[in-house]
Amino acid sequence: MKTIKSGFFLFILPLAAVAAVSVGYSKANGTNQLCEHKYALCTSALCVPSPEDPTKAICFCDVEEGPNMSTVPCDSLRPSTDSNGMGLKCPDGTPWTWCLNKKCTVDPTDAKKAVCVCDVMRTKEWMTLGGNCDTATCKTGYWSGAAMSDFDDGVIFLSKALGIASSPVKWCPAAK
């Protein structure tokens, strides 16, 4: 695996991850599109199972502004504020969350954070930008992620949409 580099990749890596997370879903439910607005970046979010629905998880995501990928109308995905102001590989079978196209609410105490309700998955080998490159975290938390089989297509889409010549994604060094 390649090592993570800083600088230019700190901006592009989250965008590539957003694309990767979305591709598998887009094949079944719509076409990829590039949005330009405030959005909840859940690609490295730690999530907890919902106490009300075991098929859902509550994720704590960062709020970003700029280009992002969607498979539904861009306006339907902007994080909202209510009237009160409110590249790590993991094995098949470990729980992860699918946050693409999920509605999120901006945290009223921190405008750079959002709370999102995402689907819990337990299928396929998957990847996340969370977990600090420690594969032990694949089993200790519900990280937002994407199936490995969908990751490359997302990176290709976003690289083309943003005019980037090659993938900016850098994988974690050898597993811890």
Protein backbone atom coordinates (compact mmCIF):
# COMPACT_ATOMS: atom_id res chain seq x y z
CA MET A 1 0.00 0.00 0.00
CA LYS A 2 1.12 3.53 -0.68
CA THR A 3 1.69 6.08 2.07
CA ILE A 4 -0.59 9.02 2.68
CA LYS A 5 0.73 12.38 1.42
CA SER A 6 -0.34 15.82 2.60
CA GLY A 7 -0.94 19.16 0.93
CA PHE A 8 -2.91 18.91 -2.30
CA PHE A 9 -4.35 15.54 -1.28
CA LEU A 10 -5.95 16.88 1.91
CA PHE A 11 -8.54 18.62 -0.27
CA ILE A 12 -8.92 16.01 -3.00
CA LEU A 13 -8.93 12.86 -0.84
CA PRO A 14 -12.28 13.67 0.84
CA LEU A 15 -13.78 14.46 -2.55
CA ALA A 16 -12.57 11.17 -3.97
CA ALA A 17 -14.00 9.34 -0.99
CA VAL A 18 -17.37 11.02 -1.47
CA ALA A 19 -17.32 9.77 -5.04
CA ALA A 20 -16.33 6.29 -4.02
CA VAL A 21 -19.05 6.00 -1.44
CA SER A 22 -21.63 7.03 -3.99
CA VAL A 23 -20.88 4.94 -7.04
CA GLY A 24 -22.40 1.61 -6.08
CA TYR A 25 -25.60 3.33 -5.03
CA SER A 26 -25.68 5.38 -8.22
CA LYS A 27 -25.59 2.30 -10.42
CA ALA A 28 -28.91 1.23 -8.95
CA ASN A 29 -30.61 4.56 -8.28
CA GLY A 30 -29.44 7.36 -10.55
CA THR A 31 -26.68 9.13 -12.33
CA ASN A 32 -23.62 10.68 -10.76
CA GLN A 33 -23.67 14.46 -10.65
CA LEU A 34 -21.31 17.05 -9.28
CA CYS A 35 -22.91 19.38 -6.73
CA GLU A 36 -21.48 22.64 -5.42
CA HIS A 37 -22.80 23.57 -1.98
CA LYS A 38 -22.47 22.91 1.74
CA TYR A 39 -22.55 19.17 2.47
CA ALA A 40 -21.96 16.66 5.24
CA LEU A 41 -18.73 14.74 4.62
CA CYS A 42 -19.26 11.35 6.23
CA THR A 43 -16.38 9.44 4.62
CA SER A 44 -14.50 9.17 7.91
CA ALA A 45 -17.41 9.45 10.33
CA LEU A 46 -17.72 7.24 13.37
CA CYS A 47 -21.28 6.03 13.70
CA VAL A 48 -23.35 4.35 16.40
CA PRO A 49 -26.25 1.94 15.86
CA SER A 50 -29.68 3.52 16.16
CA PRO A 51 -31.52 2.41 19.29
CA GLU A 52 -34.79 2.48 17.34
CA ASP A 53 -33.83 0.69 14.12
CA PRO A 54 -30.97 -1.87 13.83
CA THR A 55 -30.72 -1.21 10.08
CA LYS A 56 -29.75 2.43 10.71
CA ALA A 57 -26.83 4.19 12.35
CA ILE A 58 -26.37 7.75 13.58
CA CYS A 59 -23.20 9.30 12.17
CA PHE A 60 -21.30 12.40 13.23
CA CYS A 61 -20.00 14.04 10.06
CA ASP A 62 -17.96 17.12 9.16
CA VAL A 63 -19.65 19.98 7.32
CA GLU A 64 -17.74 21.12 4.23
CA GLU A 65 -18.43 23.54 1.39
CA GLY A 66 -17.54 22.92 -2.25
CA PRO A 67 -17.75 20.23 -4.90
CA ASN A 68 -19.35 16.95 -3.86
CA MET A 69 -20.99 14.00 -5.58
CA SER A 70 -24.60 12.87 -5.52
CA THR A 71 -26.99 10.55 -7.32
CA VAL A 72 -30.10 12.56 -6.38
CA PRO A 73 -30.88 16.27 -6.97
CA CYS A 74 -28.20 18.42 -5.34
CA ASP A 75 -30.69 20.69 -3.57
CA SER A 76 -32.21 17.74 -1.72
CA LEU A 77 -28.91 17.02 0.08
CA ARG A 78 -27.87 20.30 1.62
CA PRO A 79 -27.39 19.92 5.40
CA SER A 80 -30.22 21.69 7.17
CA THR A 81 -30.57 23.67 10.35
CA ASP A 82 -33.89 23.39 12.15
CA SER A 83 -35.83 26.32 13.59
CA ASN A 84 -33.91 25.86 16.86
CA GLY A 85 -30.52 26.11 15.15
CA MET A 86 -29.89 22.54 15.20
CA GLY A 87 -8.48 4.42 2.92
CA LEU A 88 -8.63 1.76 5.26
CA LYS A 89 -9.76 -1.71 4.03
CA CYS A 90 -12.03 -3.75 6.28
CA PRO A 91 -13.23 -7.35 5.83
CA ASP A 92 -16.60 -8.64 4.69
CA GLY A 93 -19.00 -9.13 7.59
CA THR A 94 -17.79 -6.24 9.77
CA PRO A 95 -20.41 -3.49 10.21
CA TRP A 96 -20.12 -0.24 8.30
CA THR A 97 -22.49 2.56 7.35
CA TRP A 98 -23.77 3.88 4.03
CA CYS A 99 -24.29 7.64 4.21
CA LEU A 100 -24.66 8.56 0.54
CA ASN A 101 -27.72 10.70 -0.16
CA LYS A 102 -28.81 10.70 3.49
CA LYS A 103 -30.32 13.82 5.00
CA CYS A 104 -28.23 15.48 7.68
CA THR A 105 -28.74 18.21 10.26
CA VAL A 106 -26.05 20.74 11.15
CA ASP A 107 -25.04 20.55 14.81
CA PRO A 108 -26.37 23.73 16.48
CA THR A 109 -23.33 23.85 18.78
CA ASP A 110 -20.76 23.43 15.98
CA ALA A 111 -21.55 24.56 12.43
CA LYS A 112 -18.65 22.43 11.14
CA LYS A 113 -20.37 19.20 12.27
CA ALA A 114 -23.52 17.41 11.14
CA VAL A 115 -25.56 14.48 12.41
CA CYS A 116 -26.75 12.01 9.78
CA VAL A 117 -28.82 8.83 9.90
CA CYS A 118 -27.17 6.21 7.67
CA ASP A 119 -27.84 2.58 6.72
CA VAL A 120 -25.92 -0.19 8.51
CA MET A 121 -24.24 -2.63 6.11
CA ARG A 122 -22.49 -5.96 6.79
CA THR A 123 -21.69 -7.09 3.27
CA LYS A 124 -18.62 -6.98 1.07
CA GLU A 125 -15.07 -5.91 1.78
CA TRP A 126 -15.22 -2.16 2.38
CA MET A 127 -13.08 0.91 2.91
CA THR A 128 -13.22 3.99 5.10
CA LEU A 129 -11.17 7.12 5.57
CA GLY A 130 -11.74 6.81 9.32
CA GLY A 131 -9.97 4.54 11.77
CA ASN A 132 -6.51 6.14 11.46
CA CYS A 133 -5.26 3.25 9.30
CA ASP A 134 -5.76 0.80 12.18
CA THR A 135 -7.58 -2.30 10.90
CA ALA A 136 -8.59 -3.19 14.48
CA THR A 137 -11.08 -0.31 14.26
CA CYS A 138 -13.01 -2.23 11.57
CA LYS A 139 -14.57 -4.20 14.42
CA THR A 140 -14.77 -1.53 17.12
CA GLY A 141 -16.98 1.08 15.46
CA TYR A 142 -19.49 1.68 12.72
CA TRP A 143 -17.41 3.71 10.29
CA SER A 144 -18.94 5.35 7.27
CA GLY A 145 -17.54 3.60 4.21
CA ALA A 146 -17.95 2.20 0.72
CA ALA A 147 -17.76 -1.26 -0.74
CA MET A 148 -14.33 -1.82 -2.29
CA SER A 149 -16.02 -2.86 -5.54
CA ASP A 150 -17.53 0.65 -5.82
CA PHE A 151 -14.57 2.75 -4.73
CA ASP A 152 -12.61 2.88 -8.00
CA ASP A 153 -15.60 3.91 -10.12
CA GLY A 154 -16.27 6.82 -7.76
CA VAL A 155 -12.69 8.02 -7.92
CA ILE A 156 -12.77 7.87 -11.73
CA PHE A 157 -16.01 9.87 -11.89
CA LEU A 158 -14.86 12.58 -9.52
CA SER A 159 -11.40 12.86 -11.11
CA LYS A 160 -13.03 13.44 -14.51
CA ALA A 161 -15.63 15.86 -13.12
CA LEU A 162 -12.92 17.93 -11.41
CA GLY A 163 -10.38 17.66 -14.24
CA ILE A 164 -7.79 15.75 -12.20
CA ALA A 165 -5.41 13.68 -14.35
CA SER A 166 -4.89 10.79 -11.92
CA SER A 167 -6.38 9.49 -8.70
CA PRO A 168 -5.33 11.46 -5.63
CA VAL A 169 -6.17 8.56 -3.32
CA LYS A 170 -3.31 7.29 -1.19
CA TRP A 171 -3.87 4.13 0.80
CA CYS A 172 -2.78 3.52 4.35
CA PRO A 173 0.68 2.03 4.88
CA ALA A 174 0.88 -1.67 5.83
CA ALA A 175 -1.85 -2.68 8.27
CA LYS A 176 -1.23 -1.98 11.97
